Amino acid sequence: MVIAVLADIVGSRKLDDRTAAQQVLDETIAQVEADLPLATQSLTPTVGDEQQGVYRDLGDALVSLLMIQLRLPDGIAFRFGVGVGEVSAVESVHGELADGPGWYAARAAIDIVHAREGRAIPRARTWIVGAPGQDEVMESTIAASNAYLLVRDELVGAMSERERRLTYGRLIGRSQHELADEEGISQPSVSKSLRSAGAAAVLEGVAVLRGGSA
């Protein structure tokens, strides 16, 4: 199984400084990969406001995309289309071109995110589509994962920038005391922020995705 991911920038045309925003995105993706390397091909800009990446399995992709969401500052965000299916490269005089059913599925997925985001679920950021030919187990996994993502995106989307930073810190193993020192606040304040943001549910979800406790 291969997981293809397309990412585009939310509200890219409204950004005051598109170049500065791209630098933040590049640095965020690089830091996420340094903290927890899960991508077989990390998200890389292609054209316009779009990026492409590849992951070994669905759990790795969902954990890595969550980390990117948590680390990005207010005002800069991605939406993600996740495609389950094979990918290939087509040779061209301009270099290799991404092709294959996984990419077509990822494109369909990002279109669904756009549609949901524009209607009743404005905080929707992630969706998964399987390429034709998936077995019943994978179809069920994709359906359950999409249900999880709707709730996860809503929870993360409601967090403040500090709450996202704290949740990210706990995800990569930082202690509450370390995070308190970095933020210039007390450890009880860190604990209160994490609790009010619902960070424990997000972190437990990551543990389940990575094969930990339920």
Protein backbone atom coordinates (compact mmCIF):
# COMPACT_ATOMS: atom_id res chain seq x y z
CA MET A 1 0.00 0.00 0.00
CA VAL A 2 1.18 3.51 -0.83
CA ILE A 3 -0.29 6.74 0.52
CA ALA A 4 -0.14 9.80 -1.73
CA VAL A 5 -0.80 13.20 -0.18
CA LEU A 6 -1.64 16.47 -1.88
CA ALA A 7 -1.57 19.59 0.27
CA ASP A 8 -2.64 23.08 -0.65
CA ILE A 9 -2.49 26.29 1.32
CA VAL A 10 -5.72 27.53 2.83
CA GLY A 11 -6.45 31.07 1.64
CA SER A 12 -3.16 31.35 -0.24
CA ARG A 13 -4.35 34.33 -2.29
CA LYS A 14 -5.13 36.29 0.88
CA LEU A 15 -1.69 35.91 2.46
CA ASP A 16 0.12 39.22 2.89
CA ASP A 17 3.52 37.70 2.08
CA ARG A 18 3.31 34.45 0.11
CA THR A 19 7.11 34.01 0.07
CA ALA A 20 7.37 34.32 3.85
CA ALA A 21 4.48 31.90 4.27
CA GLN A 22 6.20 29.33 2.05
CA GLN A 23 9.33 29.62 4.17
CA VAL A 24 7.25 28.87 7.29
CA LEU A 25 5.69 25.86 5.56
CA ASP A 26 9.06 24.53 4.40
CA GLU A 27 10.58 24.95 7.87
CA THR A 28 7.58 23.31 9.52
CA ILE A 29 7.67 20.27 7.25
CA ALA A 30 11.43 19.90 7.76
CA GLN A 31 11.08 20.14 11.55
CA VAL A 32 8.26 17.59 11.65
CA GLU A 33 10.37 15.16 9.64
CA ALA A 34 13.34 15.78 11.95
CA ASP A 35 11.21 15.18 15.06
CA LEU A 36 9.46 12.08 13.69
CA PRO A 37 10.57 10.93 10.21
CA LEU A 38 7.57 9.13 8.70
CA ALA A 39 7.43 10.21 5.04
CA THR A 40 9.06 8.24 2.27
CA GLN A 41 8.88 11.48 0.28
CA SER A 42 8.24 14.52 2.46
CA LEU A 43 5.80 17.17 1.25
CA THR A 44 7.51 19.16 -1.50
CA PRO A 45 6.21 22.20 -3.43
CA THR A 46 5.18 21.42 -7.00
CA VAL A 47 3.25 24.27 -8.60
CA GLY A 48 1.28 27.22 -7.24
CA ASP A 49 0.22 26.55 -3.67
CA GLU A 50 0.35 22.75 -3.94
CA GLN A 51 2.68 20.21 -2.34
CA GLN A 52 3.05 16.44 -2.83
CA GLY A 53 4.26 13.77 -0.44
CA VAL A 54 4.27 9.99 -0.10
CA TYR A 55 3.95 7.78 2.98
CA ARG A 56 4.38 4.07 3.58
CA ASP A 57 1.04 3.55 5.32
CA LEU A 58 -2.07 5.40 6.37
CA GLY A 59 -1.18 5.63 10.06
CA ASP A 60 2.16 7.28 9.31
CA ALA A 61 0.50 9.78 6.98
CA LEU A 62 -2.20 10.75 9.48
CA VAL A 63 0.29 11.22 12.33
CA SER A 64 2.65 13.32 10.20
CA LEU A 65 -0.13 15.53 8.82
CA LEU A 66 -1.43 16.12 12.35
CA MET A 67 2.04 17.22 13.44
CA ILE A 68 2.17 19.73 10.59
CA GLN A 69 -1.25 21.08 11.59
CA LEU A 70 -0.16 21.46 15.21
CA ARG A 71 3.14 23.16 14.42
CA LEU A 72 1.90 25.75 11.93
CA PRO A 73 1.23 29.23 13.37
CA ASP A 74 -2.08 31.05 13.19
CA GLY A 75 -2.82 32.40 9.73
CA ILE A 76 -1.05 29.64 7.78
CA ALA A 77 -2.70 26.27 7.20
CA PHE A 78 -2.82 23.34 4.81
CA ARG A 79 -5.71 21.25 3.62
CA PHE A 80 -4.79 17.64 2.79
CA GLY A 81 -6.07 15.15 0.23
CA VAL A 82 -4.94 11.62 1.06
CA GLY A 83 -5.02 8.97 -1.67
CA VAL A 84 -4.67 5.23 -1.06
CA GLY A 85 -3.27 3.56 -4.17
CA GLU A 86 -0.22 2.99 -6.29
CA VAL A 87 1.87 5.89 -7.54
CA SER A 88 4.32 6.04 -10.41
CA ALA A 89 6.60 8.46 -12.18
CA VAL A 90 6.35 9.40 -15.85
CA GLU A 91 9.62 10.39 -17.48
CA SER A 92 9.68 13.81 -19.13
CA VAL A 93 12.30 16.17 -20.51
CA HIS A 94 11.31 18.36 -17.57
CA GLY A 95 11.91 15.61 -15.03
CA GLU A 96 9.69 12.96 -13.46
CA LEU A 97 5.95 13.61 -13.33
CA ALA A 98 3.83 12.11 -10.55
CA ASP A 99 1.16 9.76 -11.87
CA GLY A 100 -0.94 6.80 -10.86
CA PRO A 101 -4.26 6.03 -9.14
CA GLY A 102 -2.98 7.13 -5.73
CA TRP A 103 -2.55 10.69 -7.00
CA TYR A 104 -5.97 10.70 -8.69
CA ALA A 105 -7.50 9.58 -5.39
CA ALA A 106 -5.61 12.30 -3.49
CA ARG A 107 -6.96 14.89 -5.94
CA ALA A 108 -10.50 13.65 -5.39
CA ALA A 109 -9.94 13.78 -1.63
CA ILE A 110 -8.76 17.38 -1.62
CA ASP A 111 -11.81 18.36 -3.69
CA ILE A 112 -13.99 16.82 -0.97
CA VAL A 113 -12.15 18.82 1.72
CA HIS A 114 -12.82 22.00 -0.25
CA ALA A 115 -16.51 21.16 -0.51
CA ARG A 116 -16.94 20.25 3.17
CA GLU A 117 -14.91 23.25 4.30
CA GLY A 118 -17.14 25.57 2.29
CA ARG A 119 -20.35 24.23 3.77
CA ALA A 120 -21.15 23.02 7.28
CA ILE A 121 -17.64 21.98 8.42
CA PRO A 122 -15.35 25.00 8.04
CA ARG A 123 -12.58 23.41 10.11
CA ALA A 124 -12.34 20.31 7.89
CA ARG A 125 -8.78 19.97 6.63
CA THR A 126 -8.20 16.31 5.77
CA TRP A 127 -9.94 13.57 3.77
CA ILE A 128 -9.03 10.14 2.42
CA VAL A 129 -10.10 8.50 -0.85
CA GLY A 130 -9.14 5.00 -1.94
CA ALA A 131 -8.24 4.31 -5.56
CA PRO A 132 -10.51 1.76 -7.30
CA GLY A 133 -9.91 -1.85 -6.33
CA GLN A 134 -9.49 -1.51 -2.56
CA ASP A 135 -10.57 -4.57 -0.57
CA GLU A 136 -13.37 -4.47 2.02
CA VAL A 137 -10.93 -4.12 4.92
CA MET A 138 -9.29 -1.04 3.43
CA GLU A 139 -12.65 0.47 2.48
CA SER A 140 -13.77 0.08 6.10
CA THR A 141 -10.47 1.50 7.36
CA ILE A 142 -10.83 4.56 5.12
CA ALA A 143 -14.42 5.16 6.24
CA ALA A 144 -13.50 4.89 9.94
CA SER A 145 -10.43 7.08 9.44
CA ASN A 146 -12.48 9.80 7.74
CA ALA A 147 -14.92 9.81 10.65
CA TYR A 148 -11.95 10.20 13.02
CA LEU A 149 -10.46 12.99 10.89
CA LEU A 150 -13.67 15.05 10.94
CA VAL A 151 -13.55 15.13 14.74
CA ARG A 152 -9.77 15.55 14.94
CA ASP A 153 -9.77 18.52 12.56
CA GLU A 154 -12.57 20.15 14.52
CA LEU A 155 -10.65 19.72 17.79
CA VAL A 156 -7.31 20.94 16.43
CA GLY A 157 -8.99 23.78 14.54
CA ALA A 158 -10.47 25.08 17.78
CA MET A 159 -7.08 25.19 19.54
CA SER A 160 -5.13 28.39 20.05
CA GLU A 161 -1.63 28.63 18.63
CA ARG A 162 -0.16 28.04 22.09
CA GLU A 163 -2.40 25.00 22.68
CA ARG A 164 -1.22 23.53 19.39
CA ARG A 165 2.42 24.15 20.34
CA LEU A 166 1.92 22.46 23.70
CA THR A 167 0.15 19.49 22.15
CA TYR A 168 2.95 19.14 19.60
CA GLY A 169 5.52 19.27 22.36
CA ARG A 170 3.82 16.49 24.30
CA LEU A 171 3.47 14.44 21.10
CA ILE A 172 7.24 14.45 20.58
CA GLY A 173 7.91 13.61 24.23
CA ARG A 174 8.61 16.97 25.85
CA SER A 175 7.69 17.20 29.53
CA GLN A 176 5.19 19.74 30.83
CA HIS A 177 7.99 21.38 32.83
CA GLU A 178 10.09 21.81 29.67
CA LEU A 179 7.14 23.28 27.81
CA ALA A 180 6.37 25.62 30.71
CA ASP A 181 9.93 26.97 30.65
CA GLU A 182 9.74 27.52 26.88
CA GLU A 183 6.40 29.32 27.09
CA GLY A 184 7.29 31.34 30.19
CA ILE A 185 4.32 29.98 32.14
CA SER A 186 3.84 27.60 35.06
CA GLN A 187 3.53 23.82 34.73
CA PRO A 188 -0.04 23.92 36.12
CA SER A 189 -0.89 26.43 33.37
CA VAL A 190 0.47 24.01 30.76
CA SER A 191 -1.61 21.20 32.24
CA LYS A 192 -4.73 23.37 32.29
CA SER A 193 -4.22 24.47 28.67
CA LEU A 194 -3.73 20.90 27.47
CA ARG A 195 -6.78 19.72 29.36
CA SER A 196 -9.09 22.48 28.14
CA ALA A 197 -7.91 21.97 24.53
CA GLY A 198 -8.69 18.26 24.55
CA ALA A 199 -5.04 17.44 23.86
CA ALA A 200 -5.22 14.11 25.69
CA ALA A 201 -7.71 12.78 23.14
CA VAL A 202 -5.52 13.94 20.25
CA LEU A 203 -2.42 12.34 21.77
CA GLU A 204 -4.21 9.09 22.55
CA GLY A 205 -5.39 9.01 18.95
CA VAL A 206 -1.76 9.25 17.84
CA ALA A 207 -0.87 6.35 20.15
CA VAL A 208 -3.61 4.23 18.59
CA LEU A 209 -2.48 5.11 15.05
CA ARG A 210 1.06 4.10 15.95
CA GLY A 211 -0.06 0.78 17.44
CA GLY A 212 -0.15 1.83 21.09
CA SER A 213 -2.86 1.67 23.71
CA ALA A 214 -6.51 2.28 22.95
